[in-house]
Structure formats: C-alpha cells, structure tokens
C-alpha atoms as a PDB file:
ATOM      1  CA  MET A   1       0.078   0.163   0.089  1.00  0.00           C
ATOM      2  CA  ALA A   2       1.327   3.348  -0.940  1.00  0.00           C
ATOM      3  CA  SER A   3       2.315   5.753   1.816  1.00  0.00           C
ATOM      4  CA  ASP A   4      -0.692   8.316   1.224  1.00  0.00           C
ATOM      5  CA  THR A   5      -3.208   5.420   0.640  1.00  0.00           C
ATOM      6  CA  LEU A   6      -5.270   5.060   4.060  1.00  0.00           C
ATOM      7  CA  LEU A   7      -7.699   2.611   2.785  1.00  0.00           C
ATOM      8  CA  LYS A   8      -7.443  -0.086   0.107  1.00  0.00           C
ATOM      9  CA  VAL A   9     -10.527  -2.373  -0.773  1.00  0.00           C
ATOM     10  CA  THR A  10     -10.091  -5.364  -2.747  1.00  0.00           C
ATOM     11  CA  ASP A  11     -12.879  -7.502  -4.291  1.00  0.00           C
ATOM     12  CA  LEU A  12     -15.097  -6.805  -1.358  1.00  0.00           C
ATOM     13  CA  LYS A  13     -18.392  -8.775  -1.200  1.00  0.00           C
ATOM     14  CA  VAL A  14     -21.490  -8.433   1.044  1.00  0.00           C
ATOM     15  CA  HIS A  15     -24.134 -11.192   0.373  1.00  0.00           C
ATOM     16  CA  TYR A  16     -27.221 -11.659   2.375  1.00  0.00           C
ATOM     17  CA  PRO A  17     -28.649 -14.938   2.751  1.00  0.00           C
ATOM     18  CA  VAL A  18     -32.293 -15.015   1.603  1.00  0.00           C
ATOM     19  CA  ARG A  19     -35.132 -17.551   2.766  1.00  0.00           C
ATOM     20  CA  THR A  20     -37.163 -18.317  -0.422  1.00  0.00           C
ATOM     21  CA  ASN A  21     -39.942 -20.009   1.449  1.00  0.00           C
ATOM     22  CA  TYR A  22     -41.337 -20.743   4.921  1.00  0.00           C
ATOM     23  CA  PHE A  23     -39.315 -24.148   5.181  1.00  0.00           C
ATOM     24  CA  ASN A  24     -36.260 -22.943   3.273  1.00  0.00           C
ATOM     25  CA  PHE A  25     -35.838 -25.921   1.220  1.00  0.00           C
ATOM     26  CA  GLY A  26     -33.955 -26.055  -2.048  1.00  0.00           C
ATOM     27  CA  GLN A  27     -31.053 -24.003  -3.269  1.00  0.00           C
ATOM     28  CA  LYS A  28     -29.930 -21.427  -0.680  1.00  0.00           C
ATOM     29  CA  LYS A  29     -30.048 -18.044  -2.550  1.00  0.00           C
ATOM     30  CA  PHE A  30     -28.155 -14.699  -1.521  1.00  0.00           C
ATOM     31  CA  LEU A  31     -28.872 -11.182  -2.091  1.00  0.00           C
ATOM     32  CA  LYS A  32     -25.744  -9.629  -3.559  1.00  0.00           C
ATOM     33  CA  ALA A  33     -25.593  -6.126  -1.958  1.00  0.00           C
ATOM     34  CA  VAL A  34     -21.939  -5.836  -2.812  1.00  0.00           C
ATOM     35  CA  ASP A  35     -20.449  -7.809  -5.465  1.00  0.00           C
ATOM     36  CA  GLY A  36     -16.888  -7.424  -5.968  1.00  0.00           C
ATOM     37  CA  VAL A  37     -16.048  -3.811  -5.190  1.00  0.00           C
ATOM     38  CA  SER A  38     -12.289  -2.446  -5.278  1.00  0.00           C
ATOM     39  CA  PHE A  39     -10.946   0.915  -4.612  1.00  0.00           C
ATOM     40  CA  GLU A  40      -8.392   3.224  -2.764  1.00  0.00           C
ATOM     41  CA  LEU A  41      -8.845   6.214  -0.758  1.00  0.00           C
ATOM     42  CA  GLN A  42      -5.696   8.669  -0.486  1.00  0.00           C
ATOM     43  CA  SER A  43      -4.859  10.926   2.453  1.00  0.00           C
ATOM     44  CA  GLY A  44      -7.110  13.968   2.559  1.00  0.00           C
ATOM     45  CA  GLU A  45      -9.278  12.980  -0.425  1.00  0.00           C
ATOM     46  CA  VAL A  46     -13.012  12.851  -0.513  1.00  0.00           C
ATOM     47  CA  LEU A  47     -14.482   9.975  -2.626  1.00  0.00           C
ATOM     48  CA  GLY A  48     -18.167  10.240  -3.723  1.00  0.00           C
ATOM     49  CA  LEU A  49     -20.075   7.111  -4.040  1.00  0.00           C
ATOM     50  CA  VAL A  50     -23.237   7.388  -5.979  1.00  0.00           C
ATOM     51  CA  GLY A  51     -26.004   5.294  -7.673  1.00  0.00           C
ATOM     52  CA  GLU A  52     -29.711   4.418  -7.440  1.00  0.00           C
ATOM     53  CA  SER A  53     -31.330   3.387  -4.046  1.00  0.00           C
ATOM     54  CA  GLY A  54     -30.558  -0.528  -3.736  1.00  0.00           C
ATOM     55  CA  CYS A  55     -27.379  -0.501  -5.392  1.00  0.00           C
ATOM     56  CA  GLY A  56     -25.460  -1.296  -2.230  1.00  0.00           C
ATOM     57  CA  LYS A  57     -24.097   2.056  -1.333  1.00  0.00           C
ATOM     58  CA  SER A  58     -24.910   1.896   2.426  1.00  0.00           C
ATOM     59  CA  SER A  59     -24.106  -1.814   2.545  1.00  0.00           C
ATOM     60  CA  LEU A  60     -20.719  -0.901   1.315  1.00  0.00           C
ATOM     61  CA  GLY A  61     -20.258   1.975   4.158  1.00  0.00           C
ATOM     62  CA  LYS A  62     -21.279  -0.329   6.749  1.00  0.00           C
ATOM     63  CA  ALA A  63     -19.007  -3.061   5.686  1.00  0.00           C
ATOM     64  CA  LEU A  64     -15.887  -0.646   5.503  1.00  0.00           C
ATOM     65  CA  LEU A  65     -16.520   0.011   9.444  1.00  0.00           C
ATOM     66  CA  ARG A  66     -17.267  -3.849  10.091  1.00  0.00           C
ATOM     67  CA  LEU A  67     -20.746  -2.845  11.253  1.00  0.00           C
ATOM     68  CA  GLN A  68     -21.843  -5.446   8.644  1.00  0.00           C
ATOM     69  CA  GLU A  69     -19.071  -8.244   8.077  1.00  0.00           C
ATOM     70  CA  PRO A  70     -18.040  -8.842   4.683  1.00  0.00           C
ATOM     71  CA  THR A  71     -18.711 -12.052   2.995  1.00  0.00           C
ATOM     72  CA  SER A  72     -15.166 -11.851   1.372  1.00  0.00           C
ATOM     73  CA  GLY A  73     -12.607  -9.630   0.147  1.00  0.00           C
ATOM     74  CA  SER A  74     -10.053  -7.476   2.062  1.00  0.00           C
ATOM     75  CA  ILE A  75      -9.924  -3.918   3.942  1.00  0.00           C
ATOM     76  CA  GLU A  76      -6.650  -2.470   4.465  1.00  0.00           C
ATOM     77  CA  LEU A  77      -6.823   0.543   6.867  1.00  0.00           C
ATOM     78  CA  LEU A  78      -3.585   2.367   7.531  1.00  0.00           C
ATOM     79  CA  GLY A  79      -1.648  -0.627   6.336  1.00  0.00           C
ATOM     80  CA  GLN A  80      -3.332  -3.350   8.467  1.00  0.00           C
ATOM     81  CA  ASN A  81      -5.718  -6.002   7.509  1.00  0.00           C
ATOM     82  CA  PHE A  82      -8.823  -4.658   9.136  1.00  0.00           C
ATOM     83  CA  LEU A  83     -10.837  -7.873   8.576  1.00  0.00           C
ATOM     84  CA  LYS A  84      -8.162  -9.925  10.304  1.00  0.00           C
ATOM     85  CA  LEU A  85      -8.301  -7.637  13.551  1.00  0.00           C
ATOM     86  CA  SER A  86     -10.199  -8.803  16.675  1.00  0.00           C
ATOM     87  CA  GLY A  87     -10.577  -8.265  20.264  1.00  0.00           C
ATOM     88  CA  GLU A  88      -8.187  -5.232  21.635  1.00  0.00           C
ATOM     89  CA  THR A  89      -6.425  -4.815  18.287  1.00  0.00           C
ATOM     90  CA  LEU A  90      -9.744  -4.116  16.562  1.00  0.00           C
ATOM     91  CA  ARG A  91     -10.961  -1.662  19.288  1.00  0.00           C
ATOM     92  CA  LYS A  92      -7.785   0.288  18.884  1.00  0.00           C
ATOM     93  CA  ALA A  93      -8.301   0.531  15.023  1.00  0.00           C
ATOM     94  CA  ARG A  94     -11.965   1.367  15.167  1.00  0.00           C
ATOM     95  CA  PRO A  95     -11.427   5.263  16.041  1.00  0.00           C
ATOM     96  CA  GLN A  96      -9.339   5.550  12.658  1.00  0.00           C
ATOM     97  CA  ILE A  97     -12.618   5.184  10.856  1.00  0.00           C
ATOM     98  CA  GLN A  98     -16.064   6.630  11.894  1.00  0.00           C
ATOM     99  CA  MET A  99     -19.362   6.981  10.404  1.00  0.00           C
ATOM    100  CA  ILE A 100     -22.014   9.720  10.059  1.00  0.00           C
ATOM    101  CA  PHE A 101     -25.455   8.054   9.551  1.00  0.00           C
ATOM    102  CA  GLN A 102     -28.263   9.183   7.382  1.00  0.00           C
ATOM    103  CA  ASP A 103     -31.203   9.771   9.731  1.00  0.00           C
ATOM    104  CA  PRO A 104     -30.091  12.150  12.511  1.00  0.00           C
ATOM    105  CA  TYR A 105     -33.732  11.371  14.456  1.00  0.00           C
ATOM    106  CA  ALA A 106     -32.704   7.602  14.544  1.00  0.00           C
ATOM    107  CA  SER A 107     -28.848   7.774  15.076  1.00  0.00           C
ATOM    108  CA  LEU A 108     -28.993   9.741  18.390  1.00  0.00           C
ATOM    109  CA  ASP A 109     -30.233   7.863  21.662  1.00  0.00           C
ATOM    110  CA  PRO A 110     -32.977   9.834  22.639  1.00  0.00           C
ATOM    111  CA  ARG A 111     -32.325   8.851  26.509  1.00  0.00           C
ATOM    112  CA  MET A 112     -28.879  10.355  26.512  1.00  0.00           C
ATOM    113  CA  THR A 113     -27.886  13.742  26.816  1.00  0.00           C
ATOM    114  CA  ILE A 114     -25.428  15.432  24.232  1.00  0.00           C
ATOM    115  CA  GLN A 115     -22.587  15.251  26.753  1.00  0.00           C
ATOM    116  CA  ALA A 116     -23.370  11.344  27.299  1.00  0.00           C
ATOM    117  CA  THR A 117     -23.524  10.962  23.535  1.00  0.00           C
ATOM    118  CA  LEU A 118     -20.118  12.462  22.868  1.00  0.00           C
ATOM    119  CA  ARG A 119     -18.552  10.914  25.952  1.00  0.00           C
ATOM    120  CA  GLU A 120     -19.665   7.311  25.173  1.00  0.00           C
ATOM    121  CA  PRO A 121     -17.291   6.498  22.133  1.00  0.00           C
ATOM    122  CA  LEU A 122     -14.467   7.961  24.192  1.00  0.00           C
ATOM    123  CA  GLU A 123     -15.239   5.614  27.092  1.00  0.00           C
ATOM    124  CA  ALA A 124     -15.824   2.788  24.581  1.00  0.00           C
ATOM    125  CA  HIS A 125     -12.493   2.934  23.240  1.00  0.00           C
ATOM    126  CA  GLY A 126     -10.745   3.482  26.671  1.00  0.00           C
ATOM    127  CA  LEU A 127      -9.703   7.151  25.666  1.00  0.00           C
ATOM    128  CA  TRP A 128     -11.704   8.913  28.363  1.00  0.00           C
ATOM    129  CA  THR A 129      -9.114  11.265  30.415  1.00  0.00           C
ATOM    130  CA  GLY A 130     -11.394  13.480  32.510  1.00  0.00           C
ATOM    131  CA  LYS A 131     -10.925  17.076  31.879  1.00  0.00           C
ATOM    132  CA  GLU A 132      -8.667  16.635  28.732  1.00  0.00           C
ATOM    133  CA  SER A 133     -11.701  14.797  26.944  1.00  0.00           C
ATOM    134  CA  LEU A 134     -14.284  17.231  28.119  1.00  0.00           C
ATOM    135  CA  LYS A 135     -11.939  19.898  26.300  1.00  0.00           C
ATOM    136  CA  ILE A 136     -12.059  17.472  23.110  1.00  0.00           C
ATOM    137  CA  ILE A 137     -15.804  17.421  23.634  1.00  0.00           C
ATOM    138  CA  ASP A 138     -16.244  21.371  23.818  1.00  0.00           C
ATOM    139  CA  ASP A 139     -13.831  21.732  20.806  1.00  0.00           C
ATOM    140  CA  VAL A 140     -15.976  19.360  18.543  1.00  0.00           C
ATOM    141  CA  LEU A 141     -19.072  21.246  19.522  1.00  0.00           C
ATOM    142  CA  ASP A 142     -17.665  24.373  18.643  1.00  0.00           C
ATOM    143  CA  ARG A 143     -16.484  23.120  15.268  1.00  0.00           C
ATOM    144  CA  VAL A 144     -20.091  22.183  14.426  1.00  0.00           C
ATOM    145  CA  ALA A 145     -21.390  25.311  15.865  1.00  0.00           C
ATOM    146  CA  ILE A 146     -23.172  23.993  18.892  1.00  0.00           C
ATOM    147  CA  PRO A 147     -23.016  25.930  22.014  1.00  0.00           C
ATOM    148  CA  THR A 148     -21.613  23.962  24.914  1.00  0.00           C
ATOM    149  CA  THR A 149     -24.739  25.005  26.748  1.00  0.00           C
ATOM    150  CA  ALA A 150     -26.301  22.111  24.854  1.00  0.00           C
ATOM    151  CA  LEU A 151     -24.276  19.493  26.625  1.00  0.00           C
ATOM    152  CA  GLN A 152     -27.249  18.733  28.993  1.00  0.00           C
ATOM    153  CA  LYS A 153     -30.011  18.897  26.711  1.00  0.00           C
ATOM    154  CA  TYR A 154     -31.499  15.640  24.723  1.00  0.00           C
ATOM    155  CA  PRO A 155     -31.895  15.085  21.076  1.00  0.00           C
ATOM    156  CA  HIS A 156     -35.416  15.986  20.956  1.00  0.00           C
ATOM    157  CA  GLU A 157     -34.883  19.653  21.846  1.00  0.00           C
ATOM    158  CA  PHE A 158     -32.893  20.157  18.703  1.00  0.00           C
ATOM    159  CA  SER A 159     -33.912  20.459  14.772  1.00  0.00           C
ATOM    160  CA  GLY A 160     -32.954  17.973  12.308  1.00  0.00           C
ATOM    161  CA  GLY A 161     -29.869  20.057  11.221  1.00  0.00           C
ATOM    162  CA  GLN A 162     -28.828  20.550  14.782  1.00  0.00           C
ATOM    163  CA  ARG A 163     -28.831  16.821  15.482  1.00  0.00           C
ATOM    164  CA  GLN A 164     -26.958  16.001  12.515  1.00  0.00           C
ATOM    165  CA  ARG A 165     -24.110  18.786  13.413  1.00  0.00           C
ATOM    166  CA  ILE A 166     -24.191  16.611  17.112  1.00  0.00           C
ATOM    167  CA  ALA A 167     -23.766  13.351  14.906  1.00  0.00           C
ATOM    168  CA  ILE A 168     -20.902  15.007  13.188  1.00  0.00           C
ATOM    169  CA  ALA A 169     -19.217  16.048  16.362  1.00  0.00           C
ATOM    170  CA  ARG A 170     -19.597  12.363  17.594  1.00  0.00           C
ATOM    171  CA  ALA A 171     -17.852  11.103  14.636  1.00  0.00           C
ATOM    172  CA  LEU A 172     -15.036  13.604  15.016  1.00  0.00           C
ATOM    173  CA  VAL A 173     -14.614  13.118  18.985  1.00  0.00           C
ATOM    174  CA  LEU A 174     -12.308  10.169  18.297  1.00  0.00           C
ATOM    175  CA  LYS A 175     -10.096  12.077  15.926  1.00  0.00           C
ATOM    176  CA  PRO A 176     -10.669   9.677  13.024  1.00  0.00           C
ATOM    177  CA  LYS A 177      -8.176   9.805   9.635  1.00  0.00           C
ATOM    178  CA  ILE A 178     -11.399   8.619   7.531  1.00  0.00           C
ATOM    179  CA  ILE A 179     -15.142   9.513   7.665  1.00  0.00           C
ATOM    180  CA  VAL A 180     -17.794   7.547   6.034  1.00  0.00           C
ATOM    181  CA  ALA A 181     -20.796   9.757   5.449  1.00  0.00           C
ATOM    182  CA  ASP A 182     -23.820   7.765   4.477  1.00  0.00           C
ATOM    183  CA  GLU A 183     -26.394  10.193   2.803  1.00  0.00           C
ATOM    184  CA  PRO A 184     -25.794  12.654   5.593  1.00  0.00           C
ATOM    185  CA  VAL A 185     -28.060  15.480   4.165  1.00  0.00           C
ATOM    186  CA  SER A 186     -30.758  13.594   2.344  1.00  0.00           C
ATOM    187  CA  SER A 187     -33.231  13.465   5.472  1.00  0.00           C
ATOM    188  CA  LEU A 188     -32.585  17.353   5.977  1.00  0.00           C
ATOM    189  CA  ASP A 189     -34.624  20.282   4.509  1.00  0.00           C
ATOM    190  CA  VAL A 190     -33.141  21.895   1.463  1.00  0.00           C
ATOM    191  CA  SER A 191     -32.389  25.119   3.227  1.00  0.00           C
ATOM    192  CA  VAL A 192     -30.282  23.284   5.885  1.00  0.00           C
ATOM    193  CA  GLN A 193     -28.563  20.926   3.561  1.00  0.00           C
ATOM    194  CA  ALA A 194     -26.268  23.485   2.070  1.00  0.00           C
ATOM    195  CA  GLN A 195     -25.284  24.486   5.617  1.00  0.00           C
ATOM    196  CA  VAL A 196     -24.286  20.638   6.511  1.00  0.00           C
ATOM    197  CA  LEU A 197     -22.507  20.336   3.408  1.00  0.00           C
ATOM    198  CA  ASN A 198     -20.457  23.330   3.769  1.00  0.00           C
ATOM    199  CA  LEU A 199     -19.603  22.436   7.367  1.00  0.00           C
ATOM    200  CA  LEU A 200     -18.517  19.107   6.332  1.00  0.00           C
ATOM    201  CA  LYS A 201     -16.395  20.519   3.469  1.00  0.00           C
ATOM    202  CA  GLU A 202     -14.983  22.962   5.910  1.00  0.00           C
ATOM    203  CA  ILE A 203     -14.088  20.121   8.396  1.00  0.00           C
ATOM    204  CA  GLN A 204     -12.604  17.905   5.876  1.00  0.00           C
ATOM    205  CA  LYS A 205     -10.341  20.593   4.578  1.00  0.00           C
ATOM    206  CA  ASP A 206      -9.298  21.944   8.154  1.00  0.00           C
ATOM    207  CA  LEU A 207      -8.606  18.665   9.695  1.00  0.00           C
ATOM    208  CA  LYS A 208      -7.273  17.156   6.297  1.00  0.00           C
ATOM    209  CA  LEU A 209      -9.676  14.332   6.749  1.00  0.00           C
ATOM    210  CA  SER A 210     -10.381  11.565   3.940  1.00  0.00           C
ATOM    211  CA  MET A 211     -13.876  10.989   3.317  1.00  0.00           C
ATOM    212  CA  ILE A 212     -16.333   8.461   1.643  1.00  0.00           C
ATOM    213  CA  PHE A 213     -19.343  10.717   0.741  1.00  0.00           C
ATOM    214  CA  ILE A 214     -22.145   8.175   0.017  1.00  0.00           C
ATOM    215  CA  SER A 215     -25.250   9.973  -1.708  1.00  0.00           C
ATOM    216  CA  HIS A 216     -27.644   9.422  -4.522  1.00  0.00           C
ATOM    217  CA  ASN A 217     -27.694  13.213  -5.389  1.00  0.00           C
ATOM    218  CA  LEU A 218     -24.965  13.769  -8.077  1.00  0.00           C
ATOM    219  CA  ALA A 219     -25.320  17.542  -7.616  1.00  0.00           C
ATOM    220  CA  VAL A 220     -24.313  17.072  -3.926  1.00  0.00           C
ATOM    221  CA  VAL A 221     -21.368  14.849  -4.972  1.00  0.00           C
ATOM    222  CA  LYS A 222     -20.149  17.110  -7.469  1.00  0.00           C
ATOM    223  CA  TYR A 223     -19.670  19.883  -4.891  1.00  0.00           C
ATOM    224  CA  ILE A 224     -17.826  17.890  -2.080  1.00  0.00           C
ATOM    225  CA  ALA A 225     -16.015  15.047  -4.061  1.00  0.00           C
ATOM    226  CA  ASP A 226     -12.610  14.920  -5.553  1.00  0.00           C
ATOM    227  CA  LYS A 227     -13.181  11.439  -7.095  1.00  0.00           C
ATOM    228  CA  ILE A 228     -16.455   9.595  -7.883  1.00  0.00           C
ATOM    229  CA  ALA A 229     -17.240   5.954  -8.014  1.00  0.00           C
ATOM    230  CA  VAL A 230     -20.562   5.016  -9.759  1.00  0.00           C
ATOM    231  CA  MET A 231     -22.074   1.951  -8.415  1.00  0.00           C
ATOM    232  CA  TYR A 232     -24.853  -0.197 -10.116  1.00  0.00           C
ATOM    233  CA  LEU A 233     -26.424  -3.246  -8.602  1.00  0.00           C
ATOM    234  CA  GLY A 234     -23.370  -4.153  -6.294  1.00  0.00           C
ATOM    235  CA  LYS A 235     -20.569  -3.246  -8.578  1.00  0.00           C
ATOM    236  CA  ILE A 236     -18.472  -0.036  -9.333  1.00  0.00           C
ATOM    237  CA  VAL A 237     -19.034   0.600 -13.108  1.00  0.00           C
ATOM    238  CA  GLU A 238     -17.075   3.782 -13.347  1.00  0.00           C
ATOM    239  CA  THR A 239     -14.625   5.766 -11.162  1.00  0.00           C
ATOM    240  CA  GLY A 240     -12.556   8.669 -11.928  1.00  0.00           C
ATOM    241  CA  GLU A 241     -11.983  12.327 -10.868  1.00  0.00           C
ATOM    242  CA  THR A 242     -15.255  14.629 -10.544  1.00  0.00           C
ATOM    243  CA  SER A 243     -14.359  16.707 -13.504  1.00  0.00           C
ATOM    244  CA  ASP A 244     -13.628  13.785 -15.757  1.00  0.00           C
ATOM    245  CA  LEU A 245     -16.876  12.108 -14.837  1.00  0.00           C
ATOM    246  CA  TYR A 246     -19.054  15.197 -15.246  1.00  0.00           C
ATOM    247  CA  GLN A 247     -17.383  16.619 -18.448  1.00  0.00           C
ATOM    248  CA  ASN A 248     -17.106  13.356 -20.237  1.00  0.00           C
ATOM    249  CA  PRO A 249     -18.859  10.161 -18.737  1.00  0.00           C
ATOM    250  CA  GLN A 250     -17.965   6.966 -20.362  1.00  0.00           C
ATOM    251  CA  HIS A 251     -20.183   4.357 -18.865  1.00  0.00           C
ATOM    252  CA  PRO A 252     -23.868   4.350 -20.229  1.00  0.00           C
ATOM    253  CA  TYR A 253     -25.319   4.666 -16.681  1.00  0.00           C
ATOM    254  CA  THR A 254     -22.964   7.366 -15.665  1.00  0.00           C
ATOM    255  CA  ARG A 255     -24.307   9.365 -18.610  1.00  0.00           C
ATOM    256  CA  ALA A 256     -27.703   8.663 -17.566  1.00  0.00           C
ATOM    257  CA  LEU A 257     -27.354   9.626 -14.019  1.00  0.00           C
ATOM    258  CA  ILE A 258     -25.587  12.914 -14.938  1.00  0.00           C
ATOM    259  CA  SER A 259     -28.080  13.845 -17.753  1.00  0.00           C
ATOM    260  CA  ALA A 260     -30.713  13.719 -14.945  1.00  0.00           C
ATOM    261  CA  VAL A 261     -28.915  16.443 -12.952  1.00  0.00           C
ATOM    262  CA  PRO A 262     -30.746  19.907 -13.164  1.00  0.00           C
ATOM    263  CA  ILE A 263     -28.770  22.767 -14.674  1.00  0.00           C
ATOM    264  CA  PRO A 264     -29.431  26.120 -13.160  1.00  0.00           C
ATOM    265  CA  ASP A 265     -29.618  28.012 -16.562  1.00  0.00           C
ATOM    266  CA  PRO A 266     -33.190  27.180 -17.942  1.00  0.00           C
ATOM    267  CA  LYS A 267     -32.238  27.915 -21.441  1.00  0.00           C
ATOM    268  CA  ILE A 268     -29.627  25.239 -21.405  1.00  0.00           C
ATOM    269  CA  GLU A 269     -31.870  22.913 -19.362  1.00  0.00           C
ATOM    270  CA  LYS A 270     -34.592  23.178 -22.053  1.00  0.00           C
ATOM    271  CA  THR A 271     -32.413  22.105 -24.949  1.00  0.00           C
ATOM    272  CA  ARG A 272     -30.446  19.248 -22.942  1.00  0.00           C
ATOM    273  CA  LYS A 273     -31.182  15.899 -23.790  1.00  0.00           C
ATOM    274  CA  ARG A 274     -31.942  13.377 -21.127  1.00  0.00           C
ATOM    275  CA  ILE A 275     -31.417   9.660 -21.139  1.00  0.00           C
ATOM    276  CA  ASP A 276     -34.281   7.847 -19.812  1.00  0.00           C
ATOM    277  CA  LEU A 277     -33.362   4.316 -18.524  1.00  0.00           C
ATOM    278  CA  LYS A 278     -35.772   1.739 -19.540  1.00  0.00           C
ATOM    279  CA  GLY A 279     -37.137  -0.812 -16.998  1.00  0.00           C
ATOM    280  CA  GLU A 280     -36.575  -1.274 -13.340  1.00  0.00           C
ATOM    281  CA  LEU A 281     -33.379  -1.932 -11.357  1.00  0.00           C
ATOM    282  CA  PRO A 282     -32.875  -5.936 -11.511  1.00  0.00           C
ATOM    283  CA  SER A 283     -33.251  -7.827  -8.232  1.00  0.00           C
ATOM    284  CA  PRO A 284     -29.806  -8.316  -6.464  1.00  0.00           C
ATOM    285  CA  ILE A 285     -30.859 -11.797  -5.579  1.00  0.00           C
ATOM    286  CA  SER A 286     -31.077 -12.861  -9.207  1.00  0.00           C
ATOM    287  CA  PRO A 287     -28.821 -10.246 -11.278  1.00  0.00           C
ATOM    288  CA  PRO A 288     -28.746 -10.412 -15.083  1.00  0.00           C
ATOM    289  CA  SER A 289     -25.947 -12.576 -16.673  1.00  0.00           C
ATOM    290  CA  GLY A 290     -22.945 -10.839 -17.961  1.00  0.00           C
ATOM    291  CA  CYS A 291     -23.085  -7.011 -17.499  1.00  0.00           C
ATOM    292  CA  THR A 292     -25.603  -6.535 -14.928  1.00  0.00           C
ATOM    293  CA  PHE A 293     -26.640  -3.245 -16.823  1.00  0.00           C
ATOM    294  CA  HIS A 294     -27.306  -4.889 -20.004  1.00  0.00           C
ATOM    295  CA  THR A 295     -31.176  -5.020 -19.215  1.00  0.00           C
ATOM    296  CA  ARG A 296     -31.315  -1.346 -19.415  1.00  0.00           C
ATOM    297  CA  CYS A 297     -28.162  -0.291 -21.585  1.00  0.00           C
ATOM    298  CA  PRO A 298     -29.129   1.532 -24.847  1.00  0.00           C
ATOM    299  CA  ILE A 299     -25.892   0.353 -26.279  1.00  0.00           C
ATOM    300  CA  ALA A 300     -25.848  -3.410 -25.116  1.00  0.00           C
ATOM    301  CA  THR A 301     -24.443  -6.060 -27.665  1.00  0.00           C
ATOM    302  CA  GLU A 302     -24.678  -9.591 -27.440  1.00  0.00           C
ATOM    303  CA  SER A 303     -21.224  -9.965 -25.483  1.00  0.00           C
ATOM    304  CA  CYS A 304     -22.616  -7.678 -22.635  1.00  0.00           C
ATOM    305  CA  ARG A 305     -25.300 -10.440 -22.342  1.00  0.00           C
ATOM    306  CA  ARG A 306     -22.906 -13.154 -22.080  1.00  0.00           C
ATOM    307  CA  GLU A 307     -19.541 -11.751 -20.614  1.00  0.00           C
ATOM    308  CA  THR A 308     -18.779  -9.641 -17.458  1.00  0.00           C
ATOM    309  CA  PRO A 309     -16.774  -6.642 -18.118  1.00  0.00           C
ATOM    310  CA  GLN A 310     -13.971  -5.470 -15.905  1.00  0.00           C
ATOM    311  CA  LEU A 311     -12.957  -2.077 -14.648  1.00  0.00           C
ATOM    312  CA  LYS A 312     -10.248  -0.952 -16.932  1.00  0.00           C
ATOM    313  CA  GLU A 313      -8.126   2.033 -17.211  1.00  0.00           C
ATOM    314  CA  HIS A 314      -9.650   4.887 -19.637  1.00  0.00           C
ATOM    315  CA  GLY A 315      -6.784   7.122 -20.546  1.00  0.00           C
ATOM    316  CA  LYS A 316      -5.314   7.425 -17.128  1.00  0.00           C
ATOM    317  CA  ALA A 317      -4.833   5.387 -13.911  1.00  0.00           C
ATOM    318  CA  THR A 318      -7.489   7.674 -12.015  1.00  0.00           C
ATOM    319  CA  TRP A 319     -10.074   6.846 -14.527  1.00  0.00           C
ATOM    320  CA  LYS A 320     -11.685   3.376 -14.987  1.00  0.00           C
ATOM    321  CA  VAL A 321     -14.754   2.103 -16.602  1.00  0.00           C
ATOM    322  CA  SER A 322     -16.566  -1.219 -16.985  1.00  0.00           C
ATOM    323  CA  CYS A 323     -17.934  -1.410 -20.364  1.00  0.00           C
ATOM    324  CA  PHE A 324     -17.247  -3.344 -23.517  1.00  0.00           C
ATOM    325  CA  GLU A 325     -18.189  -0.501 -25.694  1.00  0.00           C
ATOM    326  CA  VAL A 326     -15.830   2.203 -24.281  1.00  0.00           C
ATOM    327  CA  ASN A 327     -12.282   2.253 -26.124  1.00  0.00           C
END
C-alpha cells in the first residue's frame, strides 16, 4: 500500500442469505448487495459513492466499518488487514474510521444527553481522560457550531440540522483519519442541506480528513468530492476524478445519471437531452448474466449479455470504466 493510501478495498463482497420459502428447502439464495468492489482512498481525499437506491452503497459503507461483516474480500486500513483484527487490536483500530449516519433522528439515543452521547465513544475505546476529554468535547461542539450549553440537553430539543451537527461531532470526537458519510443531508430540509454540506467541506479541509461521501444526489457529490465511484447493482461501473466524469462520462449508466442532474440555466436545461433508462433496477438476488446493466443499456450487444466486463483504465490510471463499448 502506498504511503498516502489510507484505505485499500479489494474484491469486497457483502451477500445476505435469503429465505425463499417458509421451510427454506431447495437451493440457498443470496442477495448480492456488494459484489466485488475494489478501490483506494488517499490521504485528504473525498470519494463520492453514487448510484440508485438499492445499488449497495450503504451496505458497502457499513462493511468498511465492520458494522456489517463482509462475505469475502479484504480491507486494508492504514496498512493493517482490518478484517483480520479482533479483540483489543480491533478496538484500537476502530477510532481511525468513523461514520455519520443518514437519519439524525434515529442515530442519536433519545435517552442520552448530548454530553453522554459524545462521551460514550471515548469511554468505549478507553480514551476517556477526564478534563482533557471534556476539552475535546467542547472543541468538537464548537467546530460544528453547537454551543456548550447544549451538553445537558436531549436530542428531542434540537432540529434535524442541529442533530446532524451533533452526529458529526460524535464522529469527530475520536479524531479519525477517515469519515464515512452515508447520505448525511438527504433527510434534511433543502435550506439546511447546504449549511451541513459547507460544514462537512470545511471540517474535511481543516482537519485534512479523508472521506467517503455516499449519496444518490450527483449535484451534492459534485460539490464535495474529488473523485467519484458510480455503483450499479453491487458493482462499481465507473470511477474517476469528478471533473472527468461530469465533463465526459463514459459508462452508459453514468451518462444517464448525469443527464438527470438539473442545470440552473433554464435555456441550457430546456435544450439538454436526457437519457431515460428503460425498466426497473433488477433484483440483486437474481442479477442479470454478463454485464448487470445490459437489461437497461441503450448500447448493449450480445457480448454484454454473455460476459462480465472488468474495470479498466480509460486514458489515465485514475479513470476506470467497466464497459465493452468504451475504448
């Protein structure tokens, strides 16, 4: 692993067993939420993970923290094989990667004060040191613009945007190197989303954090991410620098997603051609053979139905596409 590579994921799979009937007779089936994902995250880099609902983004995010144990594959975190760690070594490694969850109403315990919420991860990892830890809590609250007078209050006394700021503070209190943000603004009012996005961007730059930003909203990802990985049915179909993917998307699925992003200029928006995908997202329990996108792809050929394309470099090492029809 290169010295500036904090996270290296190789052929990661998350398959959930599915009971097909009451008695569960016959062949055992699996829902392939994540099906062979590989990528690297560099120091100080923001990777945007995008795709339709049900493509496996959240399952991948949880697997990176081992909140969901992967079926197979490897995760190297700061040079360690994260999936092989257990007991005390795992507990010491966990602070390096933390998560911000989608729903601030569900992710905070309603019975705990804000101080107890922020104190809990420090105690759980054996990092509570009294006055020094109280100073850390004050600092992270200040960074997310929540007054310290809030420490003795409960989550129900705050708005959705304030709760998400508190959730961000909880992720920061362990001083992680990597943050996984799972749709952190999707449940907030539009007027609040920009504030939280700007806060995340500011924190990421100030603390030089690496971040995996999961979202279905490409406009949001374009604003915050350095690189983008596009997921479809458990696989990454295209990955590259944000400017490359927006200016010249190569995979048909990426083109369709970007064509659906509204443009503020009404004149350009009126003349722009959108790509409408046919059909529904196939079931991850029984994915199509060959390229999983071929059932909805406007340029699919017979080879797409028979063979599975691999992620290959397109022009430069940072840009990879999984499509037979891309040169």
